[in-house]
């Protein structure tokens, strides 16, 4: 078994499964979006968040505001090569090659991804080829 941070991240992320989707939310059982899932897990593992996410609209990525998600991940998480991803790591996705990265989730065991699915809830779903080819960044939570 890997170090305690990975175990804590996985336990916290799995605790969010079933949480309703709520734009800008980050509370287990209350509501969260994909960024809110990572923020909520961070709080459960480390306590206080490293920075305020600030308000963002549902279409922030389409408004040309830059690679905010990838940049924030790079500031607070440890980059890892995609072929070294393990359960507990964060994957960031881009829907189209020319688009801004705007989705993220936490890898689960069994080649699955825990993520907030818009219009539904936080789920653990298979990380199949259509998801894998959209990954543009992979990161690990830092050791405490």
N, C-alpha and C. Protein backbone atom coordinates (compact mmCIF):
# COMPACT_ATOMS: atom_id res chain seq x y z
N UNK A 1 0.85 -1.19 0.00
CA UNK A 1 0.00 0.00 0.00
C UNK A 1 0.88 1.23 0.00
N UNK A 2 0.46 2.24 -0.71
CA UNK A 2 1.23 3.48 -0.79
C UNK A 2 1.09 4.29 0.48
N UNK A 3 1.79 5.42 0.50
CA UNK A 3 1.82 6.28 1.67
C UNK A 3 0.46 6.76 2.12
N UNK A 4 0.43 7.34 3.30
CA UNK A 4 -0.84 7.74 3.90
C UNK A 4 -1.60 8.82 3.13
N UNK A 5 -0.91 9.74 2.44
CA UNK A 5 -1.63 10.77 1.70
C UNK A 5 -2.49 10.14 0.61
N UNK A 6 -1.94 9.21 -0.15
CA UNK A 6 -2.70 8.53 -1.20
C UNK A 6 -3.93 7.84 -0.61
N UNK A 7 -3.76 7.18 0.49
CA UNK A 7 -4.89 6.49 1.14
C UNK A 7 -5.94 7.48 1.60
N UNK A 8 -5.51 8.59 2.17
CA UNK A 8 -6.45 9.62 2.62
C UNK A 8 -7.19 10.25 1.45
N UNK A 9 -6.47 10.51 0.36
CA UNK A 9 -7.09 11.09 -0.84
C UNK A 9 -8.15 10.16 -1.38
N UNK A 10 -7.82 8.89 -1.52
CA UNK A 10 -8.80 7.93 -2.06
C UNK A 10 -10.01 7.80 -1.15
N UNK A 11 -9.80 7.72 0.15
CA UNK A 11 -10.92 7.61 1.09
C UNK A 11 -11.80 8.86 1.01
N UNK A 12 -11.18 10.04 0.96
CA UNK A 12 -11.96 11.28 0.88
C UNK A 12 -12.72 11.36 -0.43
N UNK A 13 -12.06 11.05 -1.55
CA UNK A 13 -12.72 11.11 -2.86
C UNK A 13 -13.89 10.13 -2.93
N UNK A 14 -13.68 8.93 -2.43
CA UNK A 14 -14.78 7.94 -2.45
C UNK A 14 -15.93 8.39 -1.57
N UNK A 15 -15.63 9.15 -0.53
CA UNK A 15 -16.69 9.69 0.33
C UNK A 15 -17.57 10.69 -0.39
N UNK A 16 -17.08 11.28 -1.48
CA UNK A 16 -17.86 12.24 -2.26
C UNK A 16 -18.80 11.55 -3.25
N UNK A 17 -18.59 10.28 -3.55
CA UNK A 17 -19.44 9.60 -4.53
C UNK A 17 -20.90 9.70 -4.08
N UNK A 18 -21.73 10.12 -5.01
CA UNK A 18 -23.15 10.33 -4.73
C UNK A 18 -23.50 11.76 -4.38
N UNK A 19 -22.50 12.61 -4.13
CA UNK A 19 -22.74 14.03 -3.85
C UNK A 19 -23.33 14.67 -5.10
N UNK A 20 -24.41 15.43 -4.96
CA UNK A 20 -25.02 16.06 -6.14
C UNK A 20 -24.08 17.05 -6.81
N UNK A 21 -24.26 17.22 -8.12
CA UNK A 21 -23.48 18.22 -8.86
C UNK A 21 -24.01 19.60 -8.51
N UNK A 22 -23.10 20.48 -8.11
CA UNK A 22 -23.43 21.88 -7.84
C UNK A 22 -22.27 22.73 -8.33
N UNK A 23 -22.56 23.60 -9.28
CA UNK A 23 -21.53 24.50 -9.80
C UNK A 23 -20.92 25.29 -8.65
N UNK A 24 -19.61 25.33 -8.55
CA UNK A 24 -18.80 26.01 -7.54
C UNK A 24 -18.90 25.37 -6.15
N UNK A 25 -19.65 24.30 -5.99
CA UNK A 25 -19.74 23.65 -4.70
C UNK A 25 -18.49 22.83 -4.42
N UNK A 26 -18.23 22.58 -3.13
CA UNK A 26 -17.08 21.76 -2.75
C UNK A 26 -17.32 21.01 -1.45
N UNK A 27 -18.59 20.73 -1.14
CA UNK A 27 -18.94 20.09 0.12
C UNK A 27 -19.50 18.68 -0.10
N UNK A 28 -18.86 17.72 0.55
CA UNK A 28 -19.30 16.33 0.46
C UNK A 28 -20.74 16.22 0.96
N UNK A 29 -21.56 15.51 0.19
CA UNK A 29 -22.95 15.29 0.55
C UNK A 29 -23.87 16.46 0.27
N UNK A 30 -23.32 17.64 0.04
CA UNK A 30 -24.12 18.84 -0.22
C UNK A 30 -24.12 19.17 -1.70
N UNK A 31 -22.93 19.26 -2.30
CA UNK A 31 -22.82 19.53 -3.72
C UNK A 31 -21.43 19.97 -4.11
N UNK A 32 -21.00 19.58 -5.31
CA UNK A 32 -19.70 20.00 -5.82
C UNK A 32 -19.67 19.85 -7.33
N UNK A 33 -18.72 20.57 -7.92
CA UNK A 33 -18.39 20.37 -9.33
C UNK A 33 -17.03 19.68 -9.35
N UNK A 34 -16.42 19.54 -10.52
CA UNK A 34 -15.17 18.77 -10.59
C UNK A 34 -14.05 19.43 -9.81
N UNK A 35 -13.91 20.75 -9.92
CA UNK A 35 -12.90 21.45 -9.14
C UNK A 35 -13.23 21.37 -7.65
N UNK A 36 -14.50 21.48 -7.33
CA UNK A 36 -14.93 21.39 -5.94
C UNK A 36 -14.62 20.04 -5.32
N UNK A 37 -14.66 18.99 -6.11
CA UNK A 37 -14.29 17.67 -5.61
C UNK A 37 -12.83 17.69 -5.16
N UNK A 38 -11.95 18.19 -6.00
CA UNK A 38 -10.52 18.25 -5.65
C UNK A 38 -10.31 19.18 -4.46
N UNK A 39 -11.00 20.31 -4.44
CA UNK A 39 -10.89 21.24 -3.31
C UNK A 39 -11.38 20.60 -2.02
N UNK A 40 -12.50 19.90 -2.08
CA UNK A 40 -13.04 19.25 -0.89
C UNK A 40 -12.12 18.16 -0.38
N UNK A 41 -11.55 17.39 -1.28
CA UNK A 41 -10.60 16.35 -0.89
C UNK A 41 -9.38 17.00 -0.25
N UNK A 42 -8.89 18.08 -0.85
CA UNK A 42 -7.73 18.80 -0.28
C UNK A 42 -8.02 19.21 1.16
N UNK A 43 -9.20 19.79 1.40
CA UNK A 43 -9.54 20.23 2.76
C UNK A 43 -9.57 19.06 3.74
N UNK A 44 -10.12 17.93 3.29
CA UNK A 44 -10.19 16.77 4.18
C UNK A 44 -8.81 16.20 4.50
N UNK A 45 -7.89 16.30 3.56
CA UNK A 45 -6.55 15.73 3.75
C UNK A 45 -5.61 16.70 4.46
N UNK A 46 -5.66 17.99 4.08
CA UNK A 46 -4.69 18.96 4.58
C UNK A 46 -5.28 20.02 5.49
N UNK A 47 -6.57 20.19 5.51
CA UNK A 47 -7.17 21.29 6.25
C UNK A 47 -7.53 22.42 5.30
N UNK A 48 -6.98 23.56 5.52
CA UNK A 48 -7.27 24.75 4.72
C UNK A 48 -6.79 24.61 3.27
N UNK A 49 -7.58 25.17 2.34
CA UNK A 49 -7.19 25.16 0.92
C UNK A 49 -6.00 26.09 0.70
N UNK A 50 -5.15 25.79 -0.29
CA UNK A 50 -3.95 26.61 -0.50
C UNK A 50 -4.24 27.98 -1.11
N UNK A 51 -5.38 28.15 -1.76
CA UNK A 51 -5.77 29.45 -2.31
C UNK A 51 -7.27 29.45 -2.53
N UNK A 52 -7.84 30.63 -2.59
CA UNK A 52 -9.26 30.78 -2.88
C UNK A 52 -9.50 30.50 -4.37
N UNK A 53 -10.51 29.73 -4.68
CA UNK A 53 -10.82 29.45 -6.08
C UNK A 53 -11.43 30.67 -6.75
N UNK A 54 -12.11 31.50 -6.00
CA UNK A 54 -12.78 32.66 -6.58
C UNK A 54 -14.01 32.23 -7.37
N UNK A 55 -14.85 33.17 -7.66
CA UNK A 55 -16.07 32.88 -8.42
C UNK A 55 -15.71 32.58 -9.88
N UNK A 56 -16.45 31.67 -10.48
CA UNK A 56 -16.27 31.36 -11.89
C UNK A 56 -17.60 30.94 -12.47
N UNK A 57 -17.84 31.34 -13.71
CA UNK A 57 -19.08 31.00 -14.37
C UNK A 57 -18.95 29.60 -14.99
N UNK A 58 -20.06 29.02 -15.32
CA UNK A 58 -20.05 27.68 -15.92
C UNK A 58 -19.32 27.68 -17.26
N UNK A 59 -19.28 28.82 -17.94
CA UNK A 59 -18.63 28.90 -19.25
C UNK A 59 -17.27 29.61 -19.19
N UNK A 60 -16.61 29.61 -18.03
CA UNK A 60 -15.35 30.34 -17.88
C UNK A 60 -14.31 29.92 -18.92
N UNK A 61 -14.24 28.65 -19.25
CA UNK A 61 -13.22 28.18 -20.21
C UNK A 61 -13.49 28.69 -21.62
N UNK A 62 -14.74 28.87 -21.95
CA UNK A 62 -15.11 29.34 -23.29
C UNK A 62 -14.90 30.84 -23.42
N UNK A 63 -14.65 31.53 -22.33
CA UNK A 63 -14.51 32.99 -22.35
C UNK A 63 -13.06 33.43 -22.54
N UNK A 64 -12.17 32.49 -22.84
CA UNK A 64 -10.79 32.85 -23.12
C UNK A 64 -10.00 33.30 -21.91
N UNK A 65 -10.27 32.70 -20.76
CA UNK A 65 -9.59 33.12 -19.53
C UNK A 65 -8.31 32.34 -19.26
N UNK A 66 -7.83 31.60 -20.23
CA UNK A 66 -6.56 30.89 -20.08
C UNK A 66 -6.68 29.54 -19.40
N UNK A 67 -5.54 28.94 -19.18
CA UNK A 67 -5.45 27.59 -18.61
C UNK A 67 -5.48 27.62 -17.08
N UNK A 68 -6.51 28.20 -16.54
CA UNK A 68 -6.61 28.39 -15.09
C UNK A 68 -6.56 27.07 -14.32
N UNK A 69 -7.23 26.06 -14.80
CA UNK A 69 -7.27 24.78 -14.10
C UNK A 69 -5.89 24.11 -14.09
N UNK A 70 -5.25 24.05 -15.25
CA UNK A 70 -3.92 23.45 -15.33
C UNK A 70 -2.90 24.25 -14.51
N UNK A 71 -2.99 25.56 -14.57
CA UNK A 71 -2.04 26.39 -13.82
C UNK A 71 -2.21 26.21 -12.32
N UNK A 72 -3.44 26.16 -11.84
CA UNK A 72 -3.69 25.95 -10.41
C UNK A 72 -3.19 24.57 -9.97
N UNK A 73 -3.44 23.57 -10.80
CA UNK A 73 -2.95 22.22 -10.46
C UNK A 73 -1.43 22.23 -10.35
N UNK A 74 -0.77 22.93 -11.26
CA UNK A 74 0.69 23.02 -11.24
C UNK A 74 1.23 23.76 -10.04
N UNK A 75 0.45 24.69 -9.49
CA UNK A 75 0.90 25.44 -8.31
C UNK A 75 0.83 24.61 -7.03
N UNK A 76 -0.13 23.69 -6.95
CA UNK A 76 -0.38 23.03 -5.67
C UNK A 76 -0.20 21.52 -5.65
N UNK A 77 -0.19 20.92 -6.82
CA UNK A 77 -0.02 19.47 -6.93
C UNK A 77 1.33 19.18 -7.59
N UNK A 78 1.77 17.94 -7.49
CA UNK A 78 3.06 17.53 -8.05
C UNK A 78 2.83 16.89 -9.42
N UNK A 79 3.39 17.47 -10.49
CA UNK A 79 3.20 16.87 -11.82
C UNK A 79 3.80 15.46 -11.89
N UNK A 80 3.09 14.56 -12.56
CA UNK A 80 3.60 13.21 -12.82
C UNK A 80 3.32 12.87 -14.28
N UNK A 81 4.12 12.00 -14.83
CA UNK A 81 3.92 11.56 -16.21
C UNK A 81 2.62 10.75 -16.30
N UNK A 82 1.92 10.89 -17.40
CA UNK A 82 0.64 10.19 -17.58
C UNK A 82 0.80 8.68 -17.43
N UNK A 83 1.94 8.14 -17.87
CA UNK A 83 2.13 6.69 -17.76
C UNK A 83 2.49 6.26 -16.32
N UNK A 84 2.63 7.22 -15.42
CA UNK A 84 2.92 6.91 -14.02
C UNK A 84 1.73 7.20 -13.10
N UNK A 85 0.57 7.50 -13.69
CA UNK A 85 -0.62 7.77 -12.90
C UNK A 85 -0.99 6.58 -12.05
N UNK A 86 -1.41 6.88 -10.82
CA UNK A 86 -1.86 5.82 -9.91
C UNK A 86 -3.13 6.30 -9.21
N UNK A 87 -3.88 5.37 -8.62
CA UNK A 87 -5.06 5.79 -7.86
C UNK A 87 -4.69 6.85 -6.83
N UNK A 88 -5.53 7.88 -6.76
CA UNK A 88 -5.29 9.01 -5.87
C UNK A 88 -4.71 10.20 -6.59
N UNK A 89 -4.26 10.03 -7.84
CA UNK A 89 -3.72 11.14 -8.62
C UNK A 89 -4.86 11.90 -9.30
N UNK A 90 -4.57 13.13 -9.67
CA UNK A 90 -5.55 14.00 -10.34
C UNK A 90 -5.25 14.02 -11.83
N UNK A 91 -6.29 13.86 -12.63
CA UNK A 91 -6.17 13.98 -14.09
C UNK A 91 -6.97 15.21 -14.52
N UNK A 92 -6.38 16.00 -15.43
CA UNK A 92 -7.03 17.19 -15.97
C UNK A 92 -7.30 16.91 -17.45
N UNK A 93 -8.48 17.30 -17.90
CA UNK A 93 -8.94 16.96 -19.25
C UNK A 93 -9.24 18.19 -20.09
N UNK A 94 -9.02 18.02 -21.40
CA UNK A 94 -9.36 19.01 -22.42
C UNK A 94 -10.31 18.29 -23.39
N UNK A 95 -11.49 18.88 -23.65
CA UNK A 95 -12.47 18.21 -24.52
C UNK A 95 -12.08 18.22 -25.98
N UNK A 96 -11.45 19.31 -26.43
CA UNK A 96 -11.01 19.42 -27.83
C UNK A 96 -9.58 19.92 -27.83
N UNK A 97 -8.80 19.57 -28.84
CA UNK A 97 -7.39 19.99 -28.86
C UNK A 97 -7.17 21.50 -28.72
N UNK A 98 -8.05 22.31 -29.29
CA UNK A 98 -7.87 23.76 -29.24
C UNK A 98 -8.54 24.41 -28.03
N UNK A 99 -9.24 23.62 -27.23
CA UNK A 99 -9.98 24.16 -26.09
C UNK A 99 -9.11 24.22 -24.83
N UNK A 100 -9.58 25.00 -23.89
CA UNK A 100 -8.94 25.11 -22.58
C UNK A 100 -9.31 23.88 -21.75
N UNK A 101 -8.38 23.39 -20.94
CA UNK A 101 -8.67 22.27 -20.03
C UNK A 101 -9.72 22.73 -19.03
N UNK A 102 -10.79 21.94 -18.86
CA UNK A 102 -11.87 22.39 -17.98
C UNK A 102 -12.53 21.29 -17.16
N UNK A 103 -11.92 20.13 -17.08
CA UNK A 103 -12.49 19.07 -16.25
C UNK A 103 -11.36 18.36 -15.52
N UNK A 104 -11.66 17.86 -14.34
CA UNK A 104 -10.66 17.12 -13.58
C UNK A 104 -11.34 16.06 -12.74
N UNK A 105 -10.56 15.10 -12.32
CA UNK A 105 -11.06 14.04 -11.46
C UNK A 105 -9.90 13.35 -10.78
N UNK A 106 -10.23 12.45 -9.88
CA UNK A 106 -9.24 11.72 -9.10
C UNK A 106 -9.30 10.25 -9.51
N UNK A 107 -8.14 9.70 -9.87
CA UNK A 107 -8.11 8.30 -10.29
C UNK A 107 -8.47 7.38 -9.14
N UNK A 108 -9.30 6.42 -9.45
CA UNK A 108 -9.73 5.40 -8.49
C UNK A 108 -9.10 4.08 -8.91
N UNK A 109 -9.16 3.11 -8.05
CA UNK A 109 -8.67 1.78 -8.41
C UNK A 109 -9.58 1.17 -9.46
N UNK A 110 -9.11 0.14 -10.13
CA UNK A 110 -9.90 -0.52 -11.16
C UNK A 110 -10.00 0.29 -12.43
N UNK A 111 -9.00 1.17 -12.69
CA UNK A 111 -8.98 2.00 -13.90
C UNK A 111 -10.24 2.84 -14.03
N UNK A 112 -10.62 3.48 -12.93
CA UNK A 112 -11.80 4.34 -12.90
C UNK A 112 -11.41 5.75 -12.50
N UNK A 113 -12.33 6.68 -12.69
CA UNK A 113 -12.14 8.08 -12.37
C UNK A 113 -13.29 8.54 -11.50
N UNK A 114 -12.96 9.16 -10.37
CA UNK A 114 -13.96 9.77 -9.51
C UNK A 114 -14.05 11.23 -9.95
N UNK A 115 -15.24 11.65 -10.38
CA UNK A 115 -15.41 13.02 -10.86
C UNK A 115 -16.85 13.46 -10.72
N UNK A 116 -17.03 14.76 -10.69
CA UNK A 116 -18.37 15.34 -10.60
C UNK A 116 -18.92 15.45 -12.01
N UNK A 117 -19.98 14.76 -12.24
CA UNK A 117 -20.58 14.66 -13.56
C UNK A 117 -21.73 15.65 -13.65
N UNK A 118 -21.59 16.67 -14.50
CA UNK A 118 -22.60 17.72 -14.59
C UNK A 118 -23.98 17.14 -14.87
N UNK A 119 -24.96 17.63 -14.13
CA UNK A 119 -26.33 17.17 -14.28
C UNK A 119 -26.63 15.90 -13.51
N UNK A 120 -25.60 15.34 -12.86
CA UNK A 120 -25.81 14.10 -12.11
C UNK A 120 -25.24 14.24 -10.71
N UNK A 121 -24.12 13.59 -10.48
CA UNK A 121 -23.51 13.56 -9.16
C UNK A 121 -22.05 13.16 -9.31
N UNK A 122 -21.37 13.05 -8.19
CA UNK A 122 -20.01 12.52 -8.21
C UNK A 122 -20.12 11.01 -8.41
N UNK A 123 -19.36 10.51 -9.38
CA UNK A 123 -19.40 9.10 -9.73
C UNK A 123 -17.97 8.56 -9.85
N UNK A 124 -17.86 7.25 -9.77
CA UNK A 124 -16.62 6.57 -10.13
C UNK A 124 -16.95 5.79 -11.39
N UNK A 125 -16.39 6.24 -12.52
CA UNK A 125 -16.73 5.62 -13.80
C UNK A 125 -15.46 5.17 -14.51
N UNK A 126 -15.60 4.21 -15.44
CA UNK A 126 -14.42 3.70 -16.16
C UNK A 126 -13.66 4.81 -16.88
N UNK A 127 -12.35 4.73 -16.82
CA UNK A 127 -11.47 5.67 -17.51
C UNK A 127 -11.07 5.01 -18.84
N UNK A 128 -12.01 5.00 -19.77
CA UNK A 128 -11.80 4.34 -21.05
C UNK A 128 -10.98 5.18 -22.01
N UNK A 129 -10.77 4.66 -23.22
CA UNK A 129 -9.95 5.34 -24.22
C UNK A 129 -10.43 6.76 -24.56
N UNK A 130 -11.73 6.99 -24.62
CA UNK A 130 -12.22 8.32 -24.97
C UNK A 130 -11.88 9.34 -23.88
N UNK A 131 -11.82 8.91 -22.65
CA UNK A 131 -11.39 9.79 -21.57
C UNK A 131 -9.87 9.93 -21.58
N UNK A 132 -9.17 8.85 -21.72
CA UNK A 132 -7.69 8.88 -21.66
C UNK A 132 -7.08 9.81 -22.70
N UNK A 133 -7.63 9.83 -23.90
CA UNK A 133 -7.01 10.66 -24.94
C UNK A 133 -7.24 12.15 -24.69
N UNK A 134 -8.08 12.50 -23.75
CA UNK A 134 -8.34 13.90 -23.42
C UNK A 134 -7.53 14.40 -22.22
N UNK A 135 -6.77 13.53 -21.60
CA UNK A 135 -5.95 13.93 -20.46
C UNK A 135 -4.82 14.84 -20.94
N UNK A 136 -4.68 16.00 -20.30
CA UNK A 136 -3.61 16.94 -20.65
C UNK A 136 -2.68 17.24 -19.48
N UNK A 137 -3.00 16.71 -18.33
CA UNK A 137 -2.14 16.91 -17.17
C UNK A 137 -2.46 15.89 -16.10
N UNK A 138 -1.42 15.38 -15.46
CA UNK A 138 -1.62 14.45 -14.35
C UNK A 138 -0.76 14.92 -13.18
N UNK A 139 -1.34 14.83 -12.01
CA UNK A 139 -0.73 15.40 -10.82
C UNK A 139 -0.96 14.51 -9.62
N UNK A 140 -0.09 14.66 -8.64
CA UNK A 140 -0.17 13.89 -7.39
C UNK A 140 -0.32 14.87 -6.24
N UNK A 141 -1.12 14.51 -5.26
CA UNK A 141 -1.21 15.32 -4.05
C UNK A 141 0.13 15.25 -3.33
N UNK A 142 0.62 16.37 -2.81
CA UNK A 142 1.93 16.34 -2.13
C UNK A 142 1.85 15.63 -0.79
N UNK A 143 2.99 15.09 -0.37
CA UNK A 143 3.06 14.51 0.98
C UNK A 143 2.92 15.63 2.00
N UNK A 144 2.38 15.27 3.15
CA UNK A 144 2.19 16.28 4.20
C UNK A 144 3.46 16.51 4.98
